Amino acid sequence: MASQEEVLQAIQEYTRLSNGNLRLRKMNRDWSKLVQFNTTDTSFDFFMKVKEGEIVETGVGKVDLPDIIISATSEIFCDMFWGDLNPTQKYLSGELQVKGSQEDIMRLDAISAVIWPE
């Protein structure tokens, strides 16, 4: 089980890398979403606000009316945000669950392909 601080550090590193990836920013320039990350093995959760392809805010806690809800263990989130695993594999195995519109789920898959190419 990862600590709250470890997950938050992993999210912050992902934010730095994502915002610095020009291809990813261009691809998502029309995408603004509020994403909720629910840990299934701890009592803490995280959020990420994306505005026009840029991650503009991250933090600890639940948000009202998220566009996308992603659930997994704290370890999966850490490994995913540090880039140690491709989330598509965990999604297909059911260890990572995503609730959102079909368009948003497809967008997340495209983001995964850019960040975690196989």
N, C-alpha and C. Protein backbone atom coordinates (compact mmCIF):
# COMPACT_ATOMS: atom_id res chain seq x y z
N MET A 1 0.84 -1.17 0.00
CA MET A 1 0.00 0.00 0.00
C MET A 1 0.89 1.24 0.00
N ALA A 2 0.59 2.15 -0.90
CA ALA A 2 1.36 3.40 -0.98
C ALA A 2 0.75 4.43 -0.03
N SER A 3 1.59 5.31 0.46
CA SER A 3 1.11 6.37 1.35
C SER A 3 0.45 7.47 0.51
N GLN A 4 -0.30 8.30 1.19
CA GLN A 4 -0.94 9.44 0.53
C GLN A 4 0.12 10.34 -0.12
N GLU A 5 1.22 10.57 0.57
CA GLU A 5 2.29 11.40 0.05
C GLU A 5 2.93 10.79 -1.20
N GLU A 6 3.12 9.46 -1.19
CA GLU A 6 3.71 8.80 -2.36
C GLU A 6 2.83 8.95 -3.60
N VAL A 7 1.53 8.75 -3.43
CA VAL A 7 0.62 8.89 -4.57
C VAL A 7 0.60 10.33 -5.06
N LEU A 8 0.56 11.27 -4.14
CA LEU A 8 0.54 12.68 -4.53
C LEU A 8 1.83 13.06 -5.26
N GLN A 9 2.97 12.58 -4.81
CA GLN A 9 4.23 12.84 -5.51
C GLN A 9 4.23 12.24 -6.91
N ALA A 10 3.67 11.03 -7.04
CA ALA A 10 3.60 10.39 -8.35
C ALA A 10 2.69 11.20 -9.29
N ILE A 11 1.57 11.68 -8.78
CA ILE A 11 0.67 12.52 -9.59
C ILE A 11 1.37 13.81 -10.01
N GLN A 12 2.11 14.40 -9.11
CA GLN A 12 2.80 15.64 -9.42
C GLN A 12 3.89 15.43 -10.48
N GLU A 13 4.59 14.30 -10.42
CA GLU A 13 5.59 13.99 -11.44
C GLU A 13 4.92 13.73 -12.79
N TYR A 14 3.81 13.01 -12.78
CA TYR A 14 3.06 12.78 -14.01
C TYR A 14 2.60 14.12 -14.60
N THR A 15 2.14 15.02 -13.75
CA THR A 15 1.69 16.34 -14.20
C THR A 15 2.82 17.08 -14.90
N ARG A 16 4.00 17.05 -14.31
CA ARG A 16 5.16 17.72 -14.90
C ARG A 16 5.48 17.14 -16.27
N LEU A 17 5.51 15.82 -16.36
CA LEU A 17 5.84 15.17 -17.62
C LEU A 17 4.74 15.36 -18.67
N SER A 18 3.51 15.25 -18.25
CA SER A 18 2.38 15.40 -19.17
C SER A 18 2.32 16.82 -19.73
N ASN A 19 2.43 17.80 -18.85
CA ASN A 19 2.37 19.19 -19.30
C ASN A 19 3.58 19.56 -20.17
N GLY A 20 4.67 18.84 -20.03
CA GLY A 20 5.86 19.09 -20.84
C GLY A 20 5.88 18.34 -22.16
N ASN A 21 4.88 17.48 -22.39
CA ASN A 21 4.82 16.68 -23.61
C ASN A 21 3.99 17.45 -24.64
N LEU A 22 4.66 18.10 -25.59
CA LEU A 22 3.97 18.94 -26.57
C LEU A 22 2.99 18.15 -27.44
N ARG A 23 3.35 16.94 -27.81
CA ARG A 23 2.45 16.10 -28.61
C ARG A 23 1.15 15.83 -27.86
N LEU A 24 1.28 15.48 -26.60
CA LEU A 24 0.12 15.19 -25.77
C LEU A 24 -0.74 16.44 -25.56
N ARG A 25 -0.10 17.57 -25.29
CA ARG A 25 -0.84 18.83 -25.09
C ARG A 25 -1.61 19.21 -26.35
N LYS A 26 -0.97 19.05 -27.52
CA LYS A 26 -1.64 19.39 -28.77
C LYS A 26 -2.81 18.45 -29.03
N MET A 27 -2.61 17.17 -28.77
CA MET A 27 -3.65 16.17 -28.98
C MET A 27 -4.88 16.45 -28.11
N ASN A 28 -4.66 16.99 -26.92
CA ASN A 28 -5.74 17.20 -25.95
C ASN A 28 -6.15 18.67 -25.79
N ARG A 29 -5.79 19.50 -26.74
CA ARG A 29 -6.05 20.94 -26.60
C ARG A 29 -7.54 21.27 -26.48
N ASP A 30 -8.41 20.35 -26.91
CA ASP A 30 -9.85 20.58 -26.82
C ASP A 30 -10.50 19.78 -25.68
N TRP A 31 -9.68 19.30 -24.74
CA TRP A 31 -10.18 18.41 -23.69
C TRP A 31 -10.01 19.07 -22.33
N SER A 32 -11.13 19.33 -21.66
CA SER A 32 -11.13 19.89 -20.31
C SER A 32 -12.01 19.00 -19.44
N LYS A 33 -11.41 18.39 -18.42
CA LYS A 33 -12.14 17.41 -17.60
C LYS A 33 -11.71 17.50 -16.14
N LEU A 34 -12.61 17.06 -15.28
CA LEU A 34 -12.32 16.90 -13.86
C LEU A 34 -12.29 15.40 -13.59
N VAL A 35 -11.14 14.91 -13.14
CA VAL A 35 -10.92 13.47 -12.96
C VAL A 35 -10.77 13.17 -11.47
N GLN A 36 -11.52 12.19 -11.01
CA GLN A 36 -11.44 11.72 -9.63
C GLN A 36 -10.71 10.38 -9.61
N PHE A 37 -9.72 10.23 -8.75
CA PHE A 37 -9.00 8.98 -8.56
C PHE A 37 -9.37 8.43 -7.18
N ASN A 38 -10.08 7.31 -7.14
CA ASN A 38 -10.48 6.68 -5.89
C ASN A 38 -9.58 5.49 -5.60
N THR A 39 -8.91 5.52 -4.47
CA THR A 39 -8.09 4.38 -4.08
C THR A 39 -8.99 3.34 -3.43
N THR A 40 -8.78 2.09 -3.80
CA THR A 40 -9.63 1.01 -3.29
C THR A 40 -9.06 0.36 -2.03
N ASP A 41 -7.84 0.73 -1.67
CA ASP A 41 -7.19 0.10 -0.51
C ASP A 41 -6.86 1.09 0.60
N THR A 42 -7.25 2.34 0.44
CA THR A 42 -6.99 3.35 1.47
C THR A 42 -8.23 4.24 1.61
N SER A 43 -8.16 5.17 2.52
CA SER A 43 -9.30 6.09 2.73
C SER A 43 -9.07 7.43 2.04
N PHE A 44 -8.02 7.57 1.25
CA PHE A 44 -7.77 8.85 0.58
C PHE A 44 -7.97 8.75 -0.93
N ASP A 45 -8.37 9.86 -1.49
CA ASP A 45 -8.64 9.96 -2.92
C ASP A 45 -7.95 11.20 -3.46
N PHE A 46 -7.88 11.30 -4.79
CA PHE A 46 -7.17 12.40 -5.43
C PHE A 46 -7.99 12.92 -6.60
N PHE A 47 -7.65 14.13 -7.05
CA PHE A 47 -8.32 14.67 -8.22
C PHE A 47 -7.32 15.37 -9.12
N MET A 48 -7.75 15.57 -10.36
CA MET A 48 -6.93 16.25 -11.36
C MET A 48 -7.86 17.08 -12.24
N LYS A 49 -7.55 18.35 -12.39
CA LYS A 49 -8.31 19.21 -13.30
C LYS A 49 -7.48 19.43 -14.55
N VAL A 50 -8.09 19.11 -15.69
CA VAL A 50 -7.44 19.28 -16.99
C VAL A 50 -8.20 20.37 -17.74
N LYS A 51 -7.47 21.36 -18.20
CA LYS A 51 -8.09 22.45 -18.97
C LYS A 51 -7.34 22.60 -20.28
N GLU A 52 -8.07 22.33 -21.37
CA GLU A 52 -7.50 22.44 -22.71
C GLU A 52 -6.19 21.66 -22.85
N GLY A 53 -6.18 20.45 -22.29
CA GLY A 53 -5.04 19.57 -22.41
C GLY A 53 -3.93 19.76 -21.39
N GLU A 54 -4.04 20.77 -20.56
CA GLU A 54 -3.02 21.02 -19.53
C GLU A 54 -3.59 20.67 -18.16
N ILE A 55 -2.80 19.96 -17.38
CA ILE A 55 -3.21 19.67 -16.01
C ILE A 55 -2.96 20.94 -15.21
N VAL A 56 -4.05 21.56 -14.73
CA VAL A 56 -3.93 22.85 -14.06
C VAL A 56 -4.01 22.74 -12.54
N GLU A 57 -4.48 21.60 -12.04
CA GLU A 57 -4.56 21.43 -10.59
C GLU A 57 -4.65 19.96 -10.24
N THR A 58 -3.98 19.58 -9.18
CA THR A 58 -4.10 18.25 -8.60
C THR A 58 -4.23 18.41 -7.11
N GLY A 59 -4.78 17.40 -6.46
CA GLY A 59 -4.90 17.50 -5.02
C GLY A 59 -5.48 16.25 -4.39
N VAL A 60 -5.63 16.31 -3.08
CA VAL A 60 -6.16 15.21 -2.29
C VAL A 60 -7.62 15.52 -1.99
N GLY A 61 -8.46 14.50 -2.08
CA GLY A 61 -9.86 14.65 -1.71
C GLY A 61 -10.81 14.32 -2.85
N LYS A 62 -12.08 14.38 -2.51
CA LYS A 62 -13.14 14.13 -3.49
C LYS A 62 -13.60 15.46 -4.06
N VAL A 63 -14.08 15.42 -5.31
CA VAL A 63 -14.60 16.61 -5.97
C VAL A 63 -16.07 16.38 -6.32
N ASP A 64 -16.79 17.46 -6.47
CA ASP A 64 -18.18 17.37 -6.89
C ASP A 64 -18.26 17.20 -8.40
N LEU A 65 -19.09 16.30 -8.83
CA LEU A 65 -19.40 16.10 -10.25
C LEU A 65 -18.18 15.88 -11.15
N PRO A 66 -17.37 14.87 -10.84
CA PRO A 66 -16.25 14.58 -11.74
C PRO A 66 -16.76 14.07 -13.09
N ASP A 67 -16.00 14.35 -14.14
CA ASP A 67 -16.34 13.84 -15.47
C ASP A 67 -15.93 12.38 -15.61
N ILE A 68 -14.84 12.03 -14.94
CA ILE A 68 -14.28 10.68 -15.03
C ILE A 68 -13.91 10.23 -13.62
N ILE A 69 -14.23 8.99 -13.29
CA ILE A 69 -13.84 8.40 -12.00
C ILE A 69 -13.00 7.17 -12.30
N ILE A 70 -11.79 7.15 -11.75
CA ILE A 70 -10.88 6.02 -11.95
C ILE A 70 -10.58 5.41 -10.59
N SER A 71 -10.78 4.11 -10.48
CA SER A 71 -10.58 3.40 -9.21
C SER A 71 -9.53 2.31 -9.37
N ALA A 72 -8.62 2.26 -8.39
CA ALA A 72 -7.57 1.23 -8.36
C ALA A 72 -6.90 1.31 -6.99
N THR A 73 -5.97 0.40 -6.74
CA THR A 73 -5.21 0.47 -5.49
C THR A 73 -4.22 1.63 -5.55
N SER A 74 -3.77 2.04 -4.41
CA SER A 74 -2.78 3.12 -4.33
C SER A 74 -1.49 2.74 -5.03
N GLU A 75 -1.10 1.47 -4.97
CA GLU A 75 0.11 0.99 -5.64
C GLU A 75 -0.02 1.07 -7.16
N ILE A 76 -1.19 0.70 -7.67
CA ILE A 76 -1.41 0.79 -9.12
C ILE A 76 -1.32 2.24 -9.56
N PHE A 77 -1.93 3.15 -8.80
CA PHE A 77 -1.84 4.57 -9.17
C PHE A 77 -0.39 5.05 -9.16
N CYS A 78 0.36 4.69 -8.13
CA CYS A 78 1.77 5.11 -8.08
C CYS A 78 2.53 4.56 -9.29
N ASP A 79 2.40 3.27 -9.53
CA ASP A 79 3.12 2.66 -10.66
C ASP A 79 2.70 3.29 -11.98
N MET A 80 1.41 3.59 -12.12
CA MET A 80 0.91 4.20 -13.35
C MET A 80 1.48 5.61 -13.52
N PHE A 81 1.40 6.41 -12.48
CA PHE A 81 1.86 7.80 -12.59
C PHE A 81 3.38 7.90 -12.69
N TRP A 82 4.11 6.97 -12.09
CA TRP A 82 5.57 6.96 -12.24
C TRP A 82 5.99 6.42 -13.60
N GLY A 83 5.05 5.81 -14.34
CA GLY A 83 5.36 5.26 -15.65
C GLY A 83 5.89 3.84 -15.61
N ASP A 84 5.71 3.15 -14.48
CA ASP A 84 6.21 1.79 -14.34
C ASP A 84 5.26 0.73 -14.89
N LEU A 85 4.03 1.12 -15.22
CA LEU A 85 3.09 0.18 -15.82
C LEU A 85 2.16 0.92 -16.75
N ASN A 86 1.71 0.22 -17.76
CA ASN A 86 0.75 0.76 -18.70
C ASN A 86 -0.65 0.50 -18.12
N PRO A 87 -1.44 1.55 -17.90
CA PRO A 87 -2.75 1.35 -17.27
C PRO A 87 -3.71 0.51 -18.12
N THR A 88 -3.49 0.42 -19.40
CA THR A 88 -4.37 -0.37 -20.26
C THR A 88 -4.40 -1.83 -19.81
N GLN A 89 -3.25 -2.37 -19.42
CA GLN A 89 -3.18 -3.75 -18.96
C GLN A 89 -4.02 -3.95 -17.69
N LYS A 90 -3.92 -3.01 -16.76
CA LYS A 90 -4.69 -3.10 -15.51
C LYS A 90 -6.18 -2.89 -15.77
N TYR A 91 -6.51 -2.05 -16.74
CA TYR A 91 -7.91 -1.83 -17.11
C TYR A 91 -8.51 -3.12 -17.69
N LEU A 92 -7.77 -3.76 -18.59
CA LEU A 92 -8.26 -4.98 -19.22
C LEU A 92 -8.41 -6.13 -18.22
N SER A 93 -7.57 -6.14 -17.18
CA SER A 93 -7.66 -7.19 -16.16
C SER A 93 -8.70 -6.87 -15.09
N GLY A 94 -9.27 -5.65 -15.12
CA GLY A 94 -10.28 -5.27 -14.14
C GLY A 94 -9.71 -4.68 -12.86
N GLU A 95 -8.40 -4.59 -12.77
CA GLU A 95 -7.78 -4.03 -11.57
C GLU A 95 -7.87 -2.50 -11.52
N LEU A 96 -8.11 -1.89 -12.66
CA LEU A 96 -8.30 -0.45 -12.76
C LEU A 96 -9.65 -0.25 -13.45
N GLN A 97 -10.54 0.48 -12.80
CA GLN A 97 -11.88 0.70 -13.34
C GLN A 97 -12.06 2.16 -13.68
N VAL A 98 -12.71 2.41 -14.82
CA VAL A 98 -12.93 3.77 -15.30
C VAL A 98 -14.42 3.96 -15.56
N LYS A 99 -14.97 5.03 -14.99
CA LYS A 99 -16.36 5.40 -15.24
C LYS A 99 -16.35 6.78 -15.89
N GLY A 100 -16.97 6.86 -17.03
CA GLY A 100 -17.04 8.11 -17.77
C GLY A 100 -17.69 7.86 -19.11
N SER A 101 -17.76 8.88 -19.93
CA SER A 101 -18.35 8.71 -21.25
C SER A 101 -17.42 7.83 -22.10
N GLN A 102 -18.00 7.21 -23.11
CA GLN A 102 -17.20 6.37 -24.01
C GLN A 102 -16.12 7.21 -24.67
N GLU A 103 -16.44 8.46 -25.02
CA GLU A 103 -15.46 9.35 -25.64
C GLU A 103 -14.28 9.61 -24.70
N ASP A 104 -14.57 9.85 -23.42
CA ASP A 104 -13.49 10.09 -22.46
C ASP A 104 -12.64 8.85 -22.23
N ILE A 105 -13.26 7.68 -22.19
CA ILE A 105 -12.51 6.44 -22.02
C ILE A 105 -11.59 6.21 -23.22
N MET A 106 -12.09 6.50 -24.41
CA MET A 106 -11.26 6.37 -25.61
C MET A 106 -10.12 7.39 -25.58
N ARG A 107 -10.38 8.58 -25.07
CA ARG A 107 -9.33 9.61 -24.97
C ARG A 107 -8.25 9.15 -24.01
N LEU A 108 -8.65 8.57 -22.88
CA LEU A 108 -7.66 8.06 -21.92
C LEU A 108 -6.81 6.96 -22.55
N ASP A 109 -7.43 6.13 -23.38
CA ASP A 109 -6.68 5.08 -24.07
C ASP A 109 -5.65 5.69 -25.02
N ALA A 110 -6.04 6.76 -25.72
CA ALA A 110 -5.10 7.44 -26.62
C ALA A 110 -3.96 8.09 -25.84
N ILE A 111 -4.28 8.67 -24.69
CA ILE A 111 -3.25 9.28 -23.84
C ILE A 111 -2.27 8.19 -23.40
N SER A 112 -2.80 7.03 -23.01
CA SER A 112 -1.95 5.91 -22.60
C SER A 112 -1.00 5.49 -23.71
N ALA A 113 -1.50 5.48 -24.94
CA ALA A 113 -0.68 5.08 -26.08
C ALA A 113 0.47 6.05 -26.32
N VAL A 114 0.25 7.33 -26.02
CA VAL A 114 1.31 8.33 -26.21
C VAL A 114 2.32 8.25 -25.06
N ILE A 115 1.82 8.09 -23.84
CA ILE A 115 2.71 8.12 -22.68
C ILE A 115 3.40 6.78 -22.44
N TRP A 116 2.66 5.70 -22.63
CA TRP A 116 3.18 4.36 -22.36
C TRP A 116 3.15 3.52 -23.62
N PRO A 117 3.90 3.88 -24.66
CA PRO A 117 3.86 3.06 -25.88
C PRO A 117 4.40 1.67 -25.61
N GLU A 118 3.80 0.69 -26.27
CA GLU A 118 4.24 -0.71 -26.03
C GLU A 118 5.38 -1.07 -26.94
